[in-house]
Protein backbone atom coordinates (compact mmCIF):
# COMPACT_ATOMS: atom_id res chain seq x y z
CA MET A 1 8.87 -39.23 -14.08
CA THR A 2 9.46 -39.12 -18.04
CA THR A 3 11.50 -36.88 -19.84
CA GLU A 4 8.83 -35.10 -21.46
CA THR A 5 7.25 -34.12 -18.13
CA VAL A 6 10.45 -33.05 -16.62
CA LEU A 7 11.19 -30.81 -19.58
CA ARG A 8 7.72 -29.83 -19.47
CA GLU A 9 7.94 -28.28 -15.89
CA ASP A 10 11.82 -26.78 -17.28
CA ASN A 11 10.22 -24.48 -19.70
CA VAL A 12 7.07 -23.32 -17.60
CA THR A 13 10.51 -22.66 -14.85
CA ASN A 14 12.14 -20.70 -17.69
CA LYS A 15 9.39 -18.63 -18.49
CA GLU A 16 8.39 -17.98 -14.83
CA LEU A 17 11.75 -16.93 -14.18
CA ARG A 18 11.87 -14.55 -17.89
CA VAL A 19 8.37 -13.07 -16.18
CA ARG A 20 10.51 -12.24 -13.52
CA ARG A 21 13.43 -10.64 -15.04
CA VAL A 22 11.31 -8.49 -17.84
CA ARG A 23 9.01 -7.61 -14.71
CA GLY A 24 12.17 -6.24 -12.80
CA TYR A 25 13.90 -4.38 -15.55
CA PHE A 26 10.17 -2.55 -16.34
CA ILE A 27 10.26 -1.90 -12.21
CA ASP A 28 13.88 -1.24 -12.11
CA ALA A 29 13.49 1.49 -14.37
CA ALA A 30 10.38 2.70 -12.48
CA LYS A 31 11.95 3.34 -9.75
CA GLU A 32 15.31 5.41 -10.97
CA ILE A 33 12.81 7.54 -12.65
CA VAL A 34 11.25 8.17 -9.01
CA ALA A 35 14.36 8.62 -7.42
CA GLU A 36 15.74 10.64 -10.08
CA GLU A 37 12.83 13.41 -11.23
CA GLY A 38 9.59 12.25 -9.50
CA ILE A 39 7.08 10.20 -9.38
CA ASP A 40 4.32 12.31 -11.52
CA ALA A 41 7.58 12.09 -14.84
CA VAL A 42 6.81 8.14 -14.47
CA THR A 43 5.62 7.86 -18.10
CA ILE A 44 4.88 4.40 -20.23
CA ARG A 45 7.77 5.99 -22.80
CA LYS A 46 10.26 6.61 -20.43
CA VAL A 47 9.74 3.12 -18.99
CA ALA A 48 9.81 1.02 -21.75
CA GLN A 49 13.02 2.82 -23.72
CA ARG A 50 14.81 2.71 -19.88
CA ALA A 51 14.17 -1.13 -19.53
CA GLY A 52 15.15 -1.54 -22.91
CA TYR A 53 11.96 -2.52 -24.10
CA ASN A 54 8.48 -0.92 -26.15
CA SER A 55 6.19 0.52 -24.73
CA ALA A 56 3.92 -2.44 -26.34
CA THR A 57 5.61 -4.82 -24.20
CA LEU A 58 4.80 -3.12 -21.26
CA TYR A 59 0.93 -4.75 -21.71
CA ASN A 60 2.88 -7.78 -21.32
CA TYR A 61 3.24 -7.42 -16.99
CA PHE A 62 1.11 -4.51 -16.47
CA LYS A 63 -2.03 -3.78 -16.72
CA ASN A 64 -1.59 -0.51 -17.40
CA ILE A 65 1.41 2.68 -16.17
CA ASN A 66 -0.42 3.37 -13.20
CA HIS A 67 -0.67 -1.00 -12.24
CA LEU A 68 3.23 -0.84 -12.99
CA ILE A 69 4.12 2.67 -10.71
CA ALA A 70 1.49 1.04 -8.05
CA ILE A 71 3.84 -1.95 -8.10
CA THR A 72 7.39 0.33 -7.85
CA LEU A 73 6.16 1.61 -5.10
CA TYR A 74 4.73 -1.47 -2.54
CA ASP A 75 8.42 -1.49 -0.67
CA HIS A 76 6.67 1.54 1.31
CA MET A 77 3.89 -1.55 2.09
CA GLY A 78 6.71 -3.80 2.55
CA THR A 79 8.60 -1.00 5.10
CA TYR A 80 4.74 -0.22 6.67
CA VAL A 81 3.64 -4.30 7.54
CA GLU A 82 7.48 -4.78 8.82
CA GLU A 83 6.73 -1.65 11.16
CA ILE A 84 3.46 -3.03 12.65
CA LEU A 85 4.72 -6.46 13.29
CA ARG A 86 7.83 -5.18 15.16
CA THR A 87 4.93 -2.84 16.95
CA ILE A 88 2.35 -5.23 17.68
CA LYS A 89 2.60 -7.16 21.19
CA GLY A 90 -0.33 -9.72 20.91
CA ASP A 91 -2.30 -8.05 23.60
CA GLU A 92 -4.25 -4.81 22.27
CA THR A 93 -7.54 -4.12 22.19
CA PRO A 94 -9.05 -3.21 18.93
CA TYR A 95 -9.08 0.41 19.97
CA GLU A 96 -4.80 0.16 20.38
CA LEU A 97 -5.11 -1.73 17.21
CA TYR A 98 -6.75 0.94 15.15
CA ARG A 99 -4.62 3.40 16.63
CA THR A 100 -1.59 1.36 15.62
CA ASN A 101 -2.09 1.15 12.15
CA TRP A 102 -3.07 4.63 11.77
CA PHE A 103 0.14 5.60 13.93
CA VAL A 104 2.68 4.14 11.65
CA TYR A 105 0.55 4.01 8.49
CA VAL A 106 0.49 8.07 8.83
CA GLU A 107 4.52 7.97 10.05
CA LYS A 108 5.81 6.16 6.90
CA SER A 109 3.59 8.34 4.29
CA PHE A 110 3.37 11.80 5.92
CA HIS A 111 7.82 11.51 4.70
CA LEU A 112 6.81 10.14 1.05
CA PRO A 113 2.87 11.99 0.72
CA LYS A 114 3.41 12.09 -3.09
CA GLU A 115 3.92 8.78 -3.27
CA TYR A 116 1.32 7.48 -1.19
CA TYR A 117 -1.15 10.08 -2.29
CA TYR A 118 -0.61 8.05 -5.75
CA LEU A 119 -0.79 5.06 -3.86
CA PHE A 120 -3.98 5.35 -2.42
CA PHE A 121 -6.12 8.35 -4.11
CA LYS A 122 -5.12 9.19 -7.23
CA TYR A 123 -6.68 7.04 -9.20
CA PRO A 124 -9.31 5.36 -6.67
CA GLU A 125 -10.56 3.42 -9.94
CA MET A 126 -7.00 1.08 -8.46
CA ASP A 127 -7.01 -1.94 -6.64
CA ILE A 128 -4.91 -1.40 -4.26
CA SER A 129 -5.41 -5.12 -2.94
CA GLU A 130 -4.07 -6.69 -6.12
CA VAL A 131 -0.56 -4.55 -5.19
CA TYR A 132 -0.84 -6.57 -1.70
CA ASP A 133 -1.55 -9.75 -3.10
CA GLU A 134 2.13 -9.78 -4.52
CA TYR A 135 3.48 -8.69 -2.00
CA PHE A 136 2.58 -10.81 0.47
CA GLU A 137 3.14 -13.52 -2.27
CA GLU A 138 6.57 -12.96 -1.80
CA HIS A 139 6.19 -13.13 1.77
CA PRO A 140 2.96 -15.32 2.88
CA ASP A 141 4.72 -15.59 6.58
CA ARG A 142 4.53 -11.74 7.14
CA PHE A 143 -0.10 -11.98 5.86
CA ASP A 144 -0.14 -15.02 8.65
CA LYS A 145 1.81 -13.28 11.13
CA LEU A 146 -1.09 -9.86 10.98
CA PRO A 147 -4.04 -9.77 13.61
CA LYS A 148 -7.17 -10.39 11.73
CA PRO A 149 -7.79 -6.75 11.19
CA PHE A 150 -5.42 -6.43 9.02
CA GLN A 151 -6.08 -8.59 6.47
CA ASN A 152 -8.89 -7.91 6.24
CA MET A 153 -7.78 -4.44 5.35
CA CYS A 154 -5.05 -5.87 3.09
CA LYS A 155 -7.65 -7.76 0.92
CA ALA A 156 -9.97 -4.29 0.48
CA GLN A 157 -9.66 -2.29 -3.05
CA ASN A 158 -9.39 1.36 -1.33
CA GLN A 159 -8.28 3.29 1.56
CA TYR A 160 -12.51 3.76 2.32
CA SER A 161 -12.73 0.05 2.16
CA ARG A 162 -10.16 -0.73 4.13
CA ASP A 163 -10.41 1.59 6.74
CA LEU A 164 -13.92 0.53 7.39
CA ALA A 165 -13.05 -3.44 6.46
CA PHE A 166 -10.43 -2.94 9.29
CA LEU A 167 -13.09 -1.96 11.70
CA MET A 168 -15.91 -3.72 10.92
CA THR A 169 -13.85 -6.76 11.78
CA ASP A 170 -13.33 -5.70 15.41
CA PHE A 171 -15.85 -3.68 16.43
CA GLY A 172 -18.83 -5.96 15.72
CA ASP A 173 -20.55 -4.68 18.57
CA VAL A 174 -20.84 -1.10 17.50
CA ASP A 175 -23.55 0.60 15.16
CA PRO A 176 -22.24 0.42 11.51
CA VAL A 177 -23.01 3.90 11.13
CA VAL A 178 -21.03 4.72 13.88
CA LEU A 179 -17.71 3.25 12.62
CA LYS A 180 -18.41 4.90 9.06
CA LYS A 181 -18.23 7.92 10.82
CA VAL A 182 -15.58 7.42 12.42
CA SER A 183 -13.68 5.73 9.38
CA GLU A 184 -15.01 8.91 6.91
CA MET A 185 -13.80 11.36 8.96
CA ASN A 186 -9.94 9.70 9.68
CA ILE A 187 -9.69 9.05 5.95
CA LEU A 188 -10.58 12.91 4.91
CA LEU A 189 -8.46 14.33 7.68
CA TYR A 190 -6.04 11.75 6.24
CA LYS A 191 -6.29 12.96 2.50
CA ALA A 192 -6.54 16.43 3.37
CA MET A 193 -2.74 16.41 5.22
CA LEU A 194 -1.50 13.95 3.05
CA SER A 195 -2.61 16.17 -0.16
CA ASN A 196 -1.19 19.28 1.81
CA LEU A 197 1.78 18.18 2.61
CA ALA A 198 2.43 16.58 -1.03
CA LYS A 199 2.42 19.67 -2.32
CA GLU A 200 5.83 20.81 -0.83
CA GLU A 201 9.25 20.37 -1.25
CA THR A 202 10.49 19.81 1.33
CA ASP A 203 10.03 17.34 4.47
CA GLU A 204 10.58 20.13 7.04
CA LEU A 205 6.39 19.80 8.03
CA SER A 206 5.72 16.22 8.38
CA GLN A 207 5.98 15.39 11.90
CA GLU A 208 4.81 18.83 12.51
CA TYR A 209 1.30 17.08 10.58
CA ILE A 210 2.07 13.64 12.65
CA GLU A 211 1.97 15.34 15.76
CA ARG A 212 -1.13 17.37 14.43
CA PHE A 213 -2.26 14.42 13.06
CA LYS A 214 -2.66 11.76 15.96
CA ALA A 215 -4.51 15.02 17.66
CA TYR A 216 -7.13 15.00 15.95
CA PHE A 217 -7.18 10.93 16.11
CA GLU A 218 -7.90 11.29 19.56
CA VAL A 219 -10.75 13.37 18.61
CA THR A 220 -12.68 11.22 15.53
CA THR A 221 -12.74 8.24 17.75
CA LYS A 222 -13.84 9.44 21.00
CA GLU A 223 -17.31 6.99 20.16
CA ILE A 224 -15.39 3.99 19.83
CA ARG A 225 -12.21 4.08 22.46
CA GLU A 226 -13.66 2.23 25.18
CA GLN A 227 -14.73 -0.37 23.04
């Protein structure tokens, strides 16, 4: 290997390290604002000022403020993935996997409703798969350990396509019309409950909502439960 090649590789490495470092400044700044003032208080100007850069620089590292906030919140995705991996045993039926997915997701999100509503519903055009891609780039072993339905779900763009991708993977023998109906009912139910919780200023109703969702889930999934 020539000296020129070594220098070129070192330059690339240094550039990558700088990108990670500066991105980290913006992400840390956004996290601090979320913790201190709430997610709705995060703006480009506030984040840039706290990170020590001008607003224009932020766009060199993130598509827009929503992309930054989504990346800022991806630690929540990590706790969800970790809980899924702890919970599954490997011998679940398709229905048991689907139920586990929803129940873990609800347990996590109903205690952080504003964050999850922002991430999955506030901006439908936001591609959640890109955030998962970044998460799994750092934790590739976790993606490989997930069952196929979870992997396909993480590659889907939004909450609606995510849930249907999960169902289509494991319930191939079920009428797609039925799968779409089940998915829509669960998502609409979840979205309404999450929205209600996001309007509250306390966590007092979270556990009640979790139990109610689980009860409703048994009704909405009746047609696929035996599959």
